[in-house]
Amino acid sequence: MKAFVITIEGMAASESAAKRCIKSVKNFPVEVWKATTPKDDPVRMFESRGINYQFFNEQGNSYQLNCMSAFMSHFRIWEWCAIHEEEVTIFEHDAVAVSPIPNVPYQGCITFGKPSYGKFNQPQTIGVNPLTHKQYFGGAHAYRVKPEAARAFISAAVDQELAGPTDLFLNTSCFPWLQEYYPWPVEARDSFTTIQRKGGCMSKHSWNEATYGIYNVK
């Protein structure tokens, strides 16, 4: 099984956070995965794959190209997973393992991450549960995916034109087989964002400019 942490190369804050993530995961190795950024031309990357980007709205609480880039970072790992027929654990750079991440049976995709924003439900069963905390991932900062699930994600994005912000895209309406592990062994410990505008930070993180940075990565 491979494990990757999505990292914005050349951005000190992202590289430092990714190193912290790698160090925190004690029971298997994690490799850096070069993040897609706006300079990689995510519009071209979407169009070359036949992905509609209508749900990435510049007028919303996030920077459009940055949000598209984040989705494409995950999408490229799904492509790797499907091509290599190998399950993958995916971390975002702000993920920190607070306990060992278990190797458990699961259906196609399971999140290990504690939801990082908003109200959420707490699973009532220790171990593997149906996705319970929300109807979608409360942050796509730590999850494991099998090749068949990766292909389902790719098909939903390409054939069904459902691509959108990664955490919202990974939802039980589209993928009722999504699961989560509880107690959550991974938390998002973020002090900056490269995706959210001020409005998104205020709604998700009770934003304070003195303690939380907003970087519109170009």
Foldseek 3Di string as FASTA:
>chain_A
DAEEEEAAPPDVVLVVLQVQAQVQADPDGYYYQHFFAVVNPLVVVCVVLQFDLPQQDCPDFWHRRRLSRRLVSVLVVLVVQQVVQHKYKYAYSQKGFQDHDDDDDADFKEFLEDQQFDFFDDDPDAFKDFPGGDQWRSDSGIMMGGNVVSVLLSCCRRVVNQDHRRRVSRGCVSPVRYMYHPPRRMYGDAQEDCIGHPVVCCRTPVDDVVGHYYHPTD
